[in-house]
C-alpha atoms as a PDB file:
ATOM      1  CA  MET A   1     -20.151   7.181 -15.721  1.00  0.00           C
ATOM      2  CA  GLU A   2     -17.823   4.285 -15.135  1.00  0.00           C
ATOM      3  CA  SER A   3     -19.108   0.777 -14.588  1.00  0.00           C
ATOM      4  CA  VAL A   4     -18.604  -1.035 -11.304  1.00  0.00           C
ATOM      5  CA  GLN A   5     -16.162  -3.367 -13.068  1.00  0.00           C
ATOM      6  CA  GLU A   6     -14.042  -0.375 -14.102  1.00  0.00           C
ATOM      7  CA  TYR A   7     -13.966   0.817 -10.500  1.00  0.00           C
ATOM      8  CA  ILE A   8     -12.995  -2.686  -9.373  1.00  0.00           C
ATOM      9  CA  PHE A   9     -10.149  -2.905 -11.879  1.00  0.00           C
ATOM     10  CA  LYS A  10      -8.901   0.516 -10.788  1.00  0.00           C
ATOM     11  CA  LEU A  11      -8.931  -0.639  -7.161  1.00  0.00           C
ATOM     12  CA  ILE A  12      -6.809  -3.622  -8.156  1.00  0.00           C
ATOM     13  CA  LEU A  13      -4.509  -1.460 -10.282  1.00  0.00           C
ATOM     14  CA  HIS A  14      -3.883   1.204  -7.648  1.00  0.00           C
ATOM     15  CA  GLY A  15      -3.609  -1.372  -4.867  1.00  0.00           C
ATOM     16  CA  GLY A  16      -1.052  -3.349  -6.861  1.00  0.00           C
ATOM     17  CA  ASN A  17       0.929  -0.246  -7.746  1.00  0.00           C
ATOM     18  CA  GLY A  18       0.919   0.845  -4.104  1.00  0.00           C
ATOM     19  CA  ARG A  19       2.094  -2.543  -2.899  1.00  0.00           C
ATOM     20  CA  SER A  20       4.851  -2.667  -5.524  1.00  0.00           C
ATOM     21  CA  SER A  21       6.095   0.803  -4.577  1.00  0.00           C
ATOM     22  CA  ALA A  22       6.099  -0.178  -0.898  1.00  0.00           C
ATOM     23  CA  MET A  23       8.151  -3.291  -1.629  1.00  0.00           C
ATOM     24  CA  GLU A  24      10.546  -1.208  -3.725  1.00  0.00           C
ATOM     25  CA  ALA A  25      10.900   1.147  -0.749  1.00  0.00           C
ATOM     26  CA  ILE A  26      12.016  -1.752   1.443  1.00  0.00           C
ATOM     27  CA  ALA A  27      14.556  -2.874  -1.166  1.00  0.00           C
ATOM     28  CA  ALA A  28      15.930   0.666  -1.524  1.00  0.00           C
ATOM     29  CA  ALA A  29      16.263   1.053   2.246  1.00  0.00           C
ATOM     30  CA  LYS A  30      17.959  -2.323   2.530  1.00  0.00           C
ATOM     31  CA  ASN A  31      20.541  -1.038   0.040  1.00  0.00           C
ATOM     32  CA  GLY A  32      20.982   2.178   2.043  1.00  0.00           C
ATOM     33  CA  ASN A  33      19.188   4.445  -0.448  1.00  0.00           C
ATOM     34  CA  PHE A  34      16.842   6.195   1.952  1.00  0.00           C
ATOM     35  CA  SER A  35      15.865   9.091  -0.298  1.00  0.00           C
ATOM     36  CA  GLU A  36      14.654   6.608  -2.928  1.00  0.00           C
ATOM     37  CA  ALA A  37      12.927   4.591  -0.208  1.00  0.00           C
ATOM     38  CA  ARG A  38      11.030   7.666   1.007  1.00  0.00           C
ATOM     39  CA  GLU A  39      10.110   8.549  -2.580  1.00  0.00           C
ATOM     40  CA  LYS A  40       8.731   5.039  -3.105  1.00  0.00           C
ATOM     41  CA  LEU A  41       6.719   5.310   0.105  1.00  0.00           C
ATOM     42  CA  THR A  42       5.264   8.578  -1.178  1.00  0.00           C
ATOM     43  CA  GLN A  43       4.350   6.887  -4.462  1.00  0.00           C
ATOM     44  CA  ALA A  44       2.746   4.018  -2.548  1.00  0.00           C
ATOM     45  CA  ALA A  45       0.719   6.469  -0.469  1.00  0.00           C
ATOM     46  CA  GLU A  46      -0.468   8.297  -3.595  1.00  0.00           C
ATOM     47  CA  GLU A  47      -1.573   5.053  -5.250  1.00  0.00           C
ATOM     48  CA  LEU A  48      -3.367   3.858  -2.132  1.00  0.00           C
ATOM     49  CA  ASN A  49      -4.996   7.257  -1.729  1.00  0.00           C
ATOM     50  CA  ALA A  50      -6.346   6.993  -5.294  1.00  0.00           C
ATOM     51  CA  ALA A  51      -7.696   3.530  -4.494  1.00  0.00           C
ATOM     52  CA  HIS A  52      -9.232   4.810  -1.272  1.00  0.00           C
ATOM     53  CA  HIS A  53     -11.087   7.539  -3.203  1.00  0.00           C
ATOM     54  CA  ILE A  54     -12.544   4.894  -5.524  1.00  0.00           C
ATOM     55  CA  GLN A  55     -13.537   2.742  -2.565  1.00  0.00           C
ATOM     56  CA  THR A  56     -15.168   5.757  -0.879  1.00  0.00           C
ATOM     57  CA  SER A  57     -17.064   6.541  -4.071  1.00  0.00           C
ATOM     58  CA  LEU A  58     -18.454   3.014  -4.183  1.00  0.00           C
ATOM     59  CA  ILE A  59     -19.454   3.183  -0.517  1.00  0.00           C
ATOM     60  CA  GLN A  60     -21.152   6.561  -0.976  1.00  0.00           C
ATOM     61  CA  GLY A  61     -23.038   5.189  -3.968  1.00  0.00           C
ATOM     62  CA  GLU A  62     -24.283   2.322  -1.876  1.00  0.00           C
ATOM     63  CA  ILE A  63     -25.388   4.758   0.848  1.00  0.00           C
ATOM     64  CA  ARG A  64     -27.418   6.594  -1.825  1.00  0.00           C
ATOM     65  CA  GLY A  65     -29.122   3.312  -2.669  1.00  0.00           C
ATOM     66  CA  GLU A  66     -27.015   2.408  -5.704  1.00  0.00           C
ATOM     67  CA  SER A  67     -26.604  -1.302  -5.145  1.00  0.00           C
ATOM     68  CA  THR A  68     -23.181  -2.755  -5.870  1.00  0.00           C
ATOM     69  CA  GLU A  69     -23.017  -6.403  -6.830  1.00  0.00           C
ATOM     70  CA  ILE A  70     -20.828  -8.357  -4.466  1.00  0.00           C
ATOM     71  CA  SER A  71     -18.781 -10.469  -6.827  1.00  0.00           C
ATOM     72  CA  LEU A  72     -15.651 -12.543  -6.421  1.00  0.00           C
ATOM     73  CA  LEU A  73     -13.851  -9.796  -8.347  1.00  0.00           C
ATOM     74  CA  MET A  74     -15.047  -7.132  -5.869  1.00  0.00           C
ATOM     75  CA  ILE A  75     -13.939  -9.268  -2.939  1.00  0.00           C
ATOM     76  CA  HIS A  76     -10.567  -9.776  -4.613  1.00  0.00           C
ATOM     77  CA  ALA A  77     -10.178  -6.032  -5.184  1.00  0.00           C
ATOM     78  CA  GLN A  78     -10.988  -5.228  -1.559  1.00  0.00           C
ATOM     79  CA  ASP A  79      -8.635  -7.943  -0.324  1.00  0.00           C
ATOM     80  CA  HIS A  80      -5.912  -6.705  -2.683  1.00  0.00           C
ATOM     81  CA  LEU A  81      -6.323  -3.140  -1.428  1.00  0.00           C
ATOM     82  CA  MET A  82      -6.324  -4.032   2.263  1.00  0.00           C
ATOM     83  CA  ASN A  83      -3.189  -6.170   1.827  1.00  0.00           C
ATOM     84  CA  ALA A  84      -1.487  -3.336  -0.060  1.00  0.00           C
ATOM     85  CA  MET A  85      -2.321  -0.926   2.750  1.00  0.00           C
ATOM     86  CA  THR A  86      -0.815  -3.320   5.293  1.00  0.00           C
ATOM     87  CA  VAL A  87       2.333  -3.781   3.199  1.00  0.00           C
ATOM     88  CA  LYS A  88       2.724   0.000   2.923  1.00  0.00           C
ATOM     89  CA  GLU A  89       2.434   0.409   6.706  1.00  0.00           C
ATOM     90  CA  MET A  90       5.002  -2.333   7.273  1.00  0.00           C
ATOM     91  CA  ALA A  91       7.285  -0.871   4.592  1.00  0.00           C
ATOM     92  CA  THR A  92       7.304   2.430   6.449  1.00  0.00           C
ATOM     93  CA  GLU A  93       8.429   0.606   9.578  1.00  0.00           C
ATOM     94  CA  PHE A  94      11.116  -1.310   7.661  1.00  0.00           C
ATOM     95  CA  VAL A  95      12.503   1.862   6.070  1.00  0.00           C
ATOM     96  CA  ASP A  96      12.634   3.529   9.489  1.00  0.00           C
ATOM     97  CA  LEU A  97      14.318   0.463  10.962  1.00  0.00           C
ATOM     98  CA  TYR A  98      16.931   0.201   8.201  1.00  0.00           C
ATOM     99  CA  GLU A  99      17.679   3.894   8.555  1.00  0.00           C
ATOM    100  CA  THR A 100      18.041   3.602  12.337  1.00  0.00           C
ATOM    101  CA  ILE A 101      20.382   0.645  11.944  1.00  0.00           C
ATOM    102  CA  LYS A 102      22.459   2.556   9.398  1.00  0.00           C
ATOM    103  CA  ILE A 103      22.690   5.641  11.637  1.00  0.00           C
ATOM    104  CA  SER A 104      23.580   3.630  14.758  1.00  0.00           C
ATOM    105  CA  GLY A 105      26.251   1.611  12.960  1.00  0.00           C
ATOM    106  CA  GLY A 106      24.478  -1.726  12.965  1.00  0.00           C
ATOM    107  CA  LEU A 107      22.640  -4.037  15.286  1.00  0.00           C
ATOM    108  CA  HIS A 108      24.130  -4.939  18.628  1.00  0.00           C
ATOM    109  CA  TYR A 109      22.920  -8.168  20.141  1.00  0.00           C
ATOM    110  CA  ASP A 110      23.041  -9.167  23.754  1.00  0.00           C
ATOM    111  CA  LYS A 111      24.795 -12.532  23.629  1.00  0.00           C
ATOM    112  CA  ARG A 112      22.852 -13.779  26.632  1.00  0.00           C
ATOM    113  CA  TYR A 113      19.810 -14.398  24.411  1.00  0.00           C
END
């Protein structure tokens, strides 16, 4: 059985990988490479899903009475994961936006504003 610290480090690892893939998706979309952007979003989702399974395992352990020490490292891992999830959600929106702009031929501003 893995130690709590190993679970924590895996949360950080998968969260970081997910965030990086999401940021790479935005960069790919900005450069007009939408197939790569979608692939990076898929990779981000897979990483965050792996982290979510670890998080769920820790929560289920606590429900069974297996106490988990609340350490600064655990708080950091949870914060890291939640931020990565937010970045992935925003990256999806950015990729969609870049693709819409590309399809429509660019942004058109109303000069009154």
